[in-house]
Amino acid sequence: MEMSDQRLLDTKGPGHFIHTDPWRVMRIQSEFVEGFGALSDLGQAVSVFGSARTKPGSAYYDMGVEVGRKLAEAGVAVITGGGPGSMEAANRGAVEGNGVSVGLGIELPFEQGLNQWVDLGINFRYFFARKTMFVKYAQGFIVLPGGLGTLDELFEAMVLVQTQKVTSFPIVLLGAAFWGPMIEWITGTLVAEGMVSAKDLDLIQVVDSPEEAVNLVLHGHVRAPSTNGDQRPE
């Protein structure tokens, strides 16, 4: 199945822009308008990320359910990518906690539709429109163990905070054993070789308890934006 953003990014033919790309701009605009309209009255919300491959009944799935439930019980809407695995878990927890369960789906060849626990769902063709909604309507991120998509959202959020595109935006990683090796690599390689500053690790907090993750994202200390000019994302 050829996807909309695949057609946009893969097509390199001469003159193609003149015939098709201006119309894609209208479609992209419509995705932003739909997202803004659907989520504008959402209120306080937190985006929860994690692997689509997480199995129901696993420890990571149960953590996702607990995160969603605790956010809902605190009166906070839960936003996920709307898919299976940890996304489904967080949406399920939101419903079980009598909260608002939001799913922002994406057109992919290997995922079919939104999970059954989504109350308010939007399907996107373009990743960049969808990513904007995750940040614009959330006051922070809780990140469960996951793969490339989860890492993509995590590091993009870190760059946005580092460069002050968003402020007062806590990012909490859940699962110290899972995230520990990544933190060690950042410290032992990126920081050691001067690719990032040691203070950039202050952008994230790593915990093991869903309760602690929710408490930090809602009430915990948020790193103040840097004022020393060292805001390069490289």
Protein backbone atom coordinates (compact mmCIF):
# COMPACT_ATOMS: atom_id res chain seq x y z
CA MET A 1 0.00 0.00 0.00
CA GLU A 2 1.41 3.38 -1.01
CA MET A 3 0.87 6.03 1.66
CA SER A 4 0.27 9.76 1.30
CA ASP A 5 3.49 10.88 2.97
CA GLN A 6 5.41 8.24 1.00
CA ARG A 7 4.13 9.76 -2.23
CA LEU A 8 5.08 13.22 -0.97
CA LEU A 9 8.62 12.34 0.13
CA ASP A 10 9.62 9.69 -2.42
CA THR A 11 8.60 11.47 -5.62
CA LYS A 12 11.59 13.21 -7.22
CA GLY A 13 10.47 13.58 -10.85
CA PRO A 14 10.99 16.89 -12.69
CA GLY A 15 7.95 19.13 -12.82
CA HIS A 16 6.05 16.96 -10.37
CA PHE A 17 5.52 19.85 -7.97
CA ILE A 18 3.60 21.87 -10.56
CA HIS A 19 1.06 19.10 -11.09
CA THR A 20 0.50 17.59 -7.66
CA ASP A 21 2.27 19.16 -4.69
CA PRO A 22 0.18 22.36 -4.43
CA TRP A 23 -2.88 20.14 -3.96
CA ARG A 24 -1.08 18.17 -1.26
CA VAL A 25 -0.53 21.44 0.59
CA MET A 26 -4.31 21.78 0.83
CA ARG A 27 -4.60 18.25 2.20
CA ILE A 28 -1.85 18.92 4.74
CA GLN A 29 -3.60 22.12 5.77
CA SER A 30 -6.84 20.22 6.25
CA GLU A 31 -5.11 17.82 8.66
CA PHE A 32 -3.94 20.70 10.82
CA VAL A 33 -7.38 22.29 10.76
CA GLU A 34 -9.07 19.01 11.71
CA GLY A 35 -6.61 18.38 14.53
CA PHE A 36 -6.85 21.90 15.93
CA GLY A 37 -10.64 21.80 15.79
CA ALA A 38 -10.99 18.40 17.44
CA LEU A 39 -8.52 19.02 20.27
CA SER A 40 -8.96 22.72 21.02
CA ASP A 41 -11.34 22.09 23.95
CA LEU A 42 -9.46 19.08 25.31
CA GLY A 43 -8.16 20.75 28.46
CA GLN A 44 -5.23 19.43 30.45
CA ALA A 45 -3.63 16.43 28.72
CA VAL A 46 -0.50 14.28 28.65
CA SER A 47 0.85 12.35 25.66
CA VAL A 48 1.87 8.75 26.37
CA PHE A 49 4.20 6.89 24.01
CA GLY A 50 5.31 3.28 23.82
CA SER A 51 5.69 0.30 21.54
CA ALA A 52 2.88 -0.97 19.33
CA ARG A 53 4.41 -4.44 19.85
CA THR A 54 3.81 -4.57 23.60
CA LYS A 55 1.66 -7.61 24.39
CA PRO A 56 -1.48 -7.45 26.56
CA GLY A 57 -0.74 -8.94 29.96
CA SER A 58 2.95 -8.04 29.85
CA ALA A 59 4.59 -5.84 32.47
CA TYR A 60 4.93 -2.95 30.01
CA TYR A 61 1.26 -3.22 29.02
CA ASP A 62 0.17 -3.19 32.65
CA MET A 63 2.35 -0.13 33.26
CA GLY A 64 0.61 1.63 30.37
CA VAL A 65 -2.84 0.82 31.76
CA GLU A 66 -1.82 2.15 35.16
CA VAL A 67 -0.40 5.36 33.68
CA GLY A 68 -3.59 5.98 31.72
CA ARG A 69 -5.78 5.27 34.74
CA LYS A 70 -3.84 7.53 37.08
CA LEU A 71 -3.84 10.40 34.57
CA ALA A 72 -7.58 10.03 34.12
CA GLU A 73 -8.18 9.94 37.86
CA ALA A 74 -6.24 13.21 38.09
CA GLY A 75 -8.62 14.75 35.56
CA VAL A 76 -6.07 14.71 32.74
CA ALA A 77 -6.80 13.51 29.21
CA VAL A 78 -4.58 10.79 27.74
CA ILE A 79 -3.25 11.22 24.20
CA THR A 80 -1.63 8.30 22.39
CA GLY A 81 -0.87 7.28 18.83
CA GLY A 82 -4.10 5.30 18.90
CA GLY A 83 -2.52 2.00 17.92
CA PRO A 84 -2.07 -1.34 19.70
CA GLY A 85 0.40 -2.29 22.43
CA SER A 86 1.35 0.38 24.95
CA MET A 87 -0.83 2.92 23.18
CA GLU A 88 -3.85 0.70 23.62
CA ALA A 89 -2.87 0.13 27.25
CA ALA A 90 -2.79 3.85 28.08
CA ASN A 91 -6.10 4.45 26.27
CA ARG A 92 -7.62 1.53 28.15
CA GLY A 93 -6.43 2.92 31.46
CA ALA A 94 -7.94 6.30 30.62
CA VAL A 95 -11.32 4.72 29.95
CA GLU A 96 -11.15 2.60 33.09
CA GLY A 97 -10.34 5.76 35.04
CA ASN A 98 -13.39 7.52 33.54
CA GLY A 99 -11.19 9.99 31.69
CA VAL A 100 -10.82 11.26 28.14
CA SER A 101 -9.02 8.82 25.83
CA VAL A 102 -7.55 10.35 22.66
CA GLY A 103 -5.94 8.48 19.77
CA LEU A 104 -4.02 10.19 16.97
CA GLY A 105 -3.65 7.50 14.34
CA ILE A 106 -1.33 7.44 11.34
CA GLU A 107 -1.64 5.82 7.93
CA LEU A 108 0.76 2.85 7.98
CA PRO A 109 0.92 -0.36 5.94
CA PHE A 110 1.11 -2.60 9.02
CA GLU A 111 -1.38 -1.03 11.45
CA GLN A 112 -5.12 -1.05 10.95
CA GLY A 113 -7.22 1.65 12.57
CA LEU A 114 -7.51 2.95 16.10
CA ASN A 115 -7.71 0.69 19.11
CA GLN A 116 -11.07 0.00 20.74
CA TRP A 117 -10.33 2.18 23.80
CA VAL A 118 -10.14 5.47 21.89
CA ASP A 119 -13.02 7.87 22.56
CA LEU A 120 -11.78 10.80 20.49
CA GLY A 121 -9.85 9.68 17.43
CA ILE A 122 -8.24 11.38 14.46
CA ASN A 123 -6.42 9.63 11.63
CA PHE A 124 -3.52 11.43 9.99
CA ARG A 125 -1.76 10.88 6.68
CA TYR A 126 1.30 12.93 7.57
CA PHE A 127 3.59 12.32 10.53
CA PHE A 128 4.51 15.99 10.93
CA ALA A 129 0.89 17.10 11.34
CA ARG A 130 0.28 14.35 13.88
CA LYS A 131 3.46 15.18 15.81
CA THR A 132 2.36 18.78 16.18
CA MET A 133 -0.83 17.64 17.94
CA PHE A 134 1.11 15.46 20.40
CA VAL A 135 3.05 18.50 21.61
CA LYS A 136 0.58 21.35 21.15
CA TYR A 137 -2.18 19.81 23.25
CA ALA A 138 -0.09 18.09 25.93
CA GLN A 139 1.60 19.53 28.98
CA GLY A 140 4.23 16.78 28.98
CA PHE A 141 5.21 13.29 27.80
CA ILE A 142 5.34 9.94 29.54
CA VAL A 143 7.43 7.51 27.51
CA LEU A 144 7.08 3.75 27.98
CA PRO A 145 9.59 1.28 26.49
CA GLY A 146 9.38 1.30 22.72
CA GLY A 147 11.14 1.17 19.38
CA LEU A 148 11.98 3.60 16.58
CA GLY A 149 8.70 5.50 16.68
CA THR A 150 8.93 5.96 20.43
CA LEU A 151 12.56 7.10 20.18
CA ASP A 152 11.62 9.50 17.40
CA GLU A 153 8.99 11.19 19.58
CA LEU A 154 11.29 11.21 22.61
CA PHE A 155 14.28 12.84 20.93
CA GLU A 156 12.13 15.31 19.00
CA ALA A 157 10.54 16.41 22.29
CA MET A 158 14.00 16.79 23.85
CA VAL A 159 15.13 18.98 20.96
CA LEU A 160 12.01 21.15 21.21
CA VAL A 161 12.63 21.74 24.91
CA GLN A 162 16.38 22.20 24.45
CA THR A 163 15.83 24.85 21.78
CA GLN A 164 12.99 26.49 23.74
CA LYS A 165 10.39 25.78 21.08
CA VAL A 166 8.34 24.50 24.00
CA THR A 167 8.88 25.41 27.65
CA SER A 168 7.74 23.94 30.97
CA PHE A 169 7.42 20.55 29.27
CA PRO A 170 8.39 17.56 31.45
CA ILE A 171 9.51 14.35 29.75
CA VAL A 172 9.37 11.26 31.96
CA LEU A 173 10.73 7.84 30.91
CA LEU A 174 9.14 4.85 32.59
CA GLY A 175 11.31 1.76 33.10
CA ALA A 176 14.85 2.35 34.39
CA ALA A 177 16.15 -1.06 33.28
CA PHE A 178 14.99 -0.44 29.70
CA TRP A 179 16.14 3.18 29.39
CA GLY A 180 19.33 2.83 31.47
CA PRO A 181 21.60 1.64 28.61
CA MET A 182 20.45 4.57 26.44
CA ILE A 183 21.22 7.03 29.23
CA GLU A 184 24.65 5.40 29.69
CA TRP A 185 25.35 5.75 25.96
CA ILE A 186 24.33 9.40 25.95
CA THR A 187 26.59 10.04 28.94
CA GLY A 188 29.51 7.84 27.90
CA THR A 189 29.52 8.74 24.20
CA LEU A 190 27.58 11.89 23.33
CA VAL A 191 28.52 13.87 26.43
CA ALA A 192 32.05 12.44 26.56
CA GLU A 193 32.71 13.44 22.94
CA GLY A 194 31.11 16.86 23.34
CA MET A 195 28.16 16.15 21.06
CA VAL A 196 25.68 17.22 23.75
CA SER A 197 26.03 18.98 27.08
CA ALA A 198 25.76 17.09 30.35
CA LYS A 199 22.89 19.37 31.34
CA ASP A 200 20.87 18.05 28.39
CA LEU A 201 20.20 14.95 30.46
CA ASP A 202 18.18 17.21 32.75
CA LEU A 203 15.61 17.29 29.96
CA ILE A 204 14.41 13.82 30.97
CA GLN A 205 13.60 12.00 34.20
CA VAL A 206 13.67 8.20 34.53
CA VAL A 207 11.41 6.37 37.00
CA ASP A 208 10.09 2.87 37.60
CA SER A 209 6.64 3.59 39.02
CA PRO A 210 3.58 4.69 36.99
CA GLU A 211 2.47 6.69 40.01
CA GLU A 212 5.80 8.52 40.14
CA ALA A 213 5.75 9.12 36.39
CA VAL A 214 2.29 10.70 36.57
CA ASN A 215 3.24 12.78 39.61
CA LEU A 216 6.38 14.10 37.90
CA VAL A 217 4.68 14.96 34.63
CA LEU A 218 1.90 16.80 36.45
CA HIS A 219 3.63 18.30 39.48
CA GLY A 220 7.35 17.63 39.29
CA HIS A 221 10.24 19.99 38.70
CA VAL A 222 10.56 21.12 35.09
CA ARG A 223 13.98 22.05 33.78
CA ALA A 224 14.27 25.78 33.15
CA PRO A 225 15.22 26.68 29.57
CA SER A 226 18.92 27.40 29.07
CA THR A 227 19.94 31.06 28.95
CA ASN A 228 23.56 30.56 27.98
CA GLY A 229 22.98 30.31 24.24
CA ASP A 230 23.90 26.61 24.11
CA GLN A 231 20.70 25.50 22.40
CA ARG A 232 22.03 23.70 19.38
CA PRO A 233 20.32 20.34 18.82
CA GLU A 234 23.36 18.71 17.22
